[in-house]
Amino acid sequence: MKKIAAMAEAHYITMAPHDGSLSPVAEMAAVPLIATLANFLILEHRADDVPQRYEVMESQPEVIDSYIEVPDGPGLGVDIVEESIAKYPSQGNVIPPNPNREHLYFQTREQCARWLEKPR
């Protein structure tokens, strides 16, 4: 991401990395990185994206006035709860195509993809 950001910055392009559905842990890995990008614009943060958000790590990110505080603890700044993560194995971020929905080449998780549906 640092290399992509550097190439974008050379052309006066801001960065808005996608984070929403990757996971709370991935989000916390992104926060210190994006804090170093001169051309960072915005990070998507969904407080209720997945039900296990508040189970898989301790020391949740503090959002103050729409800003996430960069943790100052070691590593990612949060404690990973391995037992909780083991209960939620990754199922991937993309669902295979459904022949009944030929207008979609791919779709994100079902609840996030409803806006893609064509009215019937």
C-alpha atoms as a PDB file:
ATOM      1  CA  MET A   1       0.000   0.000   0.000  1.00  0.00           C
ATOM      2  CA  LYS A   2       2.907   2.354   0.703  1.00  0.00           C
ATOM      3  CA  LYS A   3       4.172   1.930  -2.861  1.00  0.00           C
ATOM      4  CA  ILE A   4       0.718   2.478  -4.349  1.00  0.00           C
ATOM      5  CA  ALA A   5       0.265   5.555  -2.165  1.00  0.00           C
ATOM      6  CA  ALA A   6       3.644   6.933  -3.277  1.00  0.00           C
ATOM      7  CA  MET A   7       2.751   6.492  -6.962  1.00  0.00           C
ATOM      8  CA  ALA A   8      -0.625   8.140  -6.379  1.00  0.00           C
ATOM      9  CA  GLU A   9       0.926  11.015  -4.419  1.00  0.00           C
ATOM     10  CA  ALA A  10       3.292  11.736  -7.315  1.00  0.00           C
ATOM     11  CA  HIS A  11       0.183  12.428  -9.394  1.00  0.00           C
ATOM     12  CA  TYR A  12      -1.669  14.405  -6.678  1.00  0.00           C
ATOM     13  CA  ILE A  13      -4.123  11.556  -6.053  1.00  0.00           C
ATOM     14  CA  THR A  14      -5.461  10.901  -2.571  1.00  0.00           C
ATOM     15  CA  MET A  15      -5.836   7.421  -1.083  1.00  0.00           C
ATOM     16  CA  ALA A  16      -9.056   5.959   0.312  1.00  0.00           C
ATOM     17  CA  PRO A  17      -8.185   2.337   1.165  1.00  0.00           C
ATOM     18  CA  HIS A  18     -11.123  -0.027   1.439  1.00  0.00           C
ATOM     19  CA  ASP A  19     -11.422  -1.678   4.807  1.00  0.00           C
ATOM     20  CA  GLY A  20     -15.075  -2.365   5.488  1.00  0.00           C
ATOM     21  CA  SER A  21     -15.402  -6.117   5.154  1.00  0.00           C
ATOM     22  CA  LEU A  22     -11.839  -7.300   5.604  1.00  0.00           C
ATOM     23  CA  SER A  23     -12.122  -7.755   9.378  1.00  0.00           C
ATOM     24  CA  PRO A  24     -11.624  -5.756  12.544  1.00  0.00           C
ATOM     25  CA  VAL A  25      -8.084  -7.125  12.824  1.00  0.00           C
ATOM     26  CA  ALA A  26      -7.243  -6.054   9.256  1.00  0.00           C
ATOM     27  CA  GLU A  27      -8.632  -2.624  10.057  1.00  0.00           C
ATOM     28  CA  MET A  28      -6.284  -2.308  13.019  1.00  0.00           C
ATOM     29  CA  ALA A  29      -3.381  -3.334  10.796  1.00  0.00           C
ATOM     30  CA  ALA A  30      -4.355  -0.582   8.342  1.00  0.00           C
ATOM     31  CA  VAL A  31      -4.736   2.257  10.880  1.00  0.00           C
ATOM     32  CA  PRO A  32      -1.031   2.804  11.723  1.00  0.00           C
ATOM     33  CA  LEU A  33      -0.090   2.402   8.068  1.00  0.00           C
ATOM     34  CA  ILE A  34      -2.566   4.940   6.717  1.00  0.00           C
ATOM     35  CA  ALA A  35      -1.554   7.383   9.446  1.00  0.00           C
ATOM     36  CA  THR A  36       1.817   7.588   7.662  1.00  0.00           C
ATOM     37  CA  LEU A  37       0.396   8.364   4.205  1.00  0.00           C
ATOM     38  CA  ALA A  38       0.618  12.021   3.220  1.00  0.00           C
ATOM     39  CA  ASN A  39      -2.159  11.567   0.652  1.00  0.00           C
ATOM     40  CA  PHE A  40      -4.570   9.591   2.849  1.00  0.00           C
ATOM     41  CA  LEU A  41      -8.165  10.812   2.529  1.00  0.00           C
ATOM     42  CA  ILE A  42     -10.564   8.484   4.345  1.00  0.00           C
ATOM     43  CA  LEU A  43     -10.937   4.951   5.737  1.00  0.00           C
ATOM     44  CA  GLU A  44     -14.261   3.193   5.752  1.00  0.00           C
ATOM     45  CA  HIS A  45     -15.119   2.061   9.278  1.00  0.00           C
ATOM     46  CA  ARG A  46     -18.279   0.107   9.947  1.00  0.00           C
ATOM     47  CA  ALA A  47     -18.836  -0.315  13.660  1.00  0.00           C
ATOM     48  CA  ASP A  48     -21.365  -3.121  13.171  1.00  0.00           C
ATOM     49  CA  ASP A  49     -20.066  -4.845  10.033  1.00  0.00           C
ATOM     50  CA  VAL A  50     -19.732  -8.310  11.548  1.00  0.00           C
ATOM     51  CA  PRO A  51     -21.245  -9.603  14.798  1.00  0.00           C
ATOM     52  CA  GLN A  52     -17.910 -10.961  16.008  1.00  0.00           C
ATOM     53  CA  ARG A  53     -16.209  -7.528  15.756  1.00  0.00           C
ATOM     54  CA  TYR A  54     -16.272  -7.125  19.545  1.00  0.00           C
ATOM     55  CA  GLU A  55     -15.251 -10.724  20.262  1.00  0.00           C
ATOM     56  CA  VAL A  56     -12.071 -11.200  18.214  1.00  0.00           C
ATOM     57  CA  MET A  57      -9.973  -8.462  19.774  1.00  0.00           C
ATOM     58  CA  GLU A  58      -9.746  -6.529  22.982  1.00  0.00           C
ATOM     59  CA  SER A  59      -9.122  -2.792  23.128  1.00  0.00           C
ATOM     60  CA  GLN A  60     -11.485  -1.744  20.371  1.00  0.00           C
ATOM     61  CA  PRO A  61     -10.449   1.274  18.291  1.00  0.00           C
ATOM     62  CA  GLU A  62     -11.578   4.534  19.788  1.00  0.00           C
ATOM     63  CA  VAL A  63     -13.446   6.716  17.308  1.00  0.00           C
ATOM     64  CA  ILE A  64     -13.457  10.367  18.367  1.00  0.00           C
ATOM     65  CA  ASP A  65     -15.070  13.006  16.139  1.00  0.00           C
ATOM     66  CA  SER A  66     -14.943  10.574  13.195  1.00  0.00           C
ATOM     67  CA  TYR A  67     -11.244   9.827  13.708  1.00  0.00           C
ATOM     68  CA  ILE A  68      -9.777   6.503  14.816  1.00  0.00           C
ATOM     69  CA  GLU A  69      -7.101   6.977  17.415  1.00  0.00           C
ATOM     70  CA  VAL A  70      -3.859   5.277  16.343  1.00  0.00           C
ATOM     71  CA  PRO A  71      -3.075   2.726  19.078  1.00  0.00           C
ATOM     72  CA  ASP A  72       0.240   3.195  20.855  1.00  0.00           C
ATOM     73  CA  GLY A  73       0.515  -0.351  22.203  1.00  0.00           C
ATOM     74  CA  PRO A  74       2.878  -2.977  20.786  1.00  0.00           C
ATOM     75  CA  GLY A  75       2.076  -4.674  17.476  1.00  0.00           C
ATOM     76  CA  LEU A  76      -1.351  -3.730  16.180  1.00  0.00           C
ATOM     77  CA  GLY A  77      -2.194  -2.044  19.471  1.00  0.00           C
ATOM     78  CA  VAL A  78      -4.947  -4.560  20.243  1.00  0.00           C
ATOM     79  CA  ASP A  79      -4.970  -7.988  21.836  1.00  0.00           C
ATOM     80  CA  ILE A  80      -6.173 -10.749  19.511  1.00  0.00           C
ATOM     81  CA  VAL A  81      -8.564 -13.235  21.151  1.00  0.00           C
ATOM     82  CA  GLU A  82      -7.469 -16.392  19.345  1.00  0.00           C
ATOM     83  CA  GLU A  83     -10.277 -18.569  20.727  1.00  0.00           C
ATOM     84  CA  SER A  84     -12.845 -16.192  19.235  1.00  0.00           C
ATOM     85  CA  ILE A  85     -11.077 -15.957  15.891  1.00  0.00           C
ATOM     86  CA  ALA A  86     -11.017 -19.764  15.698  1.00  0.00           C
ATOM     87  CA  LYS A  87     -14.840 -19.764  15.963  1.00  0.00           C
ATOM     88  CA  TYR A  88     -15.123 -17.627  12.806  1.00  0.00           C
ATOM     89  CA  PRO A  89     -12.975 -19.136  10.029  1.00  0.00           C
ATOM     90  CA  SER A  90     -12.748 -17.062   6.873  1.00  0.00           C
ATOM     91  CA  GLN A  91     -15.274 -17.862   4.178  1.00  0.00           C
ATOM     92  CA  GLY A  92     -13.674 -15.508   1.705  1.00  0.00           C
ATOM     93  CA  ASN A  93     -14.871 -12.063   0.804  1.00  0.00           C
ATOM     94  CA  VAL A  94     -16.641 -12.910  -2.460  1.00  0.00           C
ATOM     95  CA  ILE A  95     -19.523 -15.309  -2.973  1.00  0.00           C
ATOM     96  CA  PRO A  96     -19.404 -17.387  -6.205  1.00  0.00           C
ATOM     97  CA  PRO A  97     -21.756 -16.312  -9.009  1.00  0.00           C
ATOM     98  CA  ASN A  98     -25.375 -17.384  -8.699  1.00  0.00           C
ATOM     99  CA  PRO A  99     -26.970 -18.432 -12.017  1.00  0.00           C
ATOM    100  CA  ASN A 100     -30.284 -16.956 -10.818  1.00  0.00           C
ATOM    101  CA  ARG A 101     -28.650 -13.548 -10.657  1.00  0.00           C
ATOM    102  CA  GLU A 102     -27.045 -13.304 -14.048  1.00  0.00           C
ATOM    103  CA  HIS A 103     -26.823  -9.511 -13.836  1.00  0.00           C
ATOM    104  CA  LEU A 104     -24.196  -9.846 -11.111  1.00  0.00           C
ATOM    105  CA  TYR A 105     -20.747 -11.100 -12.027  1.00  0.00           C
ATOM    106  CA  PHE A 106     -19.868 -11.283  -8.363  1.00  0.00           C
ATOM    107  CA  GLN A 107     -21.345 -10.090  -5.132  1.00  0.00           C
ATOM    108  CA  THR A 108     -20.106  -9.195  -1.716  1.00  0.00           C
ATOM    109  CA  ARG A 109     -21.679 -10.604   1.373  1.00  0.00           C
ATOM    110  CA  GLU A 110     -25.426 -10.888   0.919  1.00  0.00           C
ATOM    111  CA  GLN A 111     -26.425  -8.111   3.309  1.00  0.00           C
ATOM    112  CA  CYS A 112     -23.933  -5.675   1.763  1.00  0.00           C
ATOM    113  CA  ALA A 113     -24.959  -6.434  -1.828  1.00  0.00           C
ATOM    114  CA  ARG A 114     -28.687  -5.697  -1.702  1.00  0.00           C
ATOM    115  CA  TRP A 115     -28.240  -2.298  -3.335  1.00  0.00           C
ATOM    116  CA  LEU A 116     -26.868  -4.079  -6.413  1.00  0.00           C
ATOM    117  CA  GLU A 117     -30.137  -5.905  -6.977  1.00  0.00           C
ATOM    118  CA  LYS A 118     -32.260  -4.792  -9.899  1.00  0.00           C
ATOM    119  CA  PRO A 119     -35.885  -3.990  -9.102  1.00  0.00           C
ATOM    120  CA  ARG A 120     -38.126  -6.767 -10.307  1.00  0.00           C
END
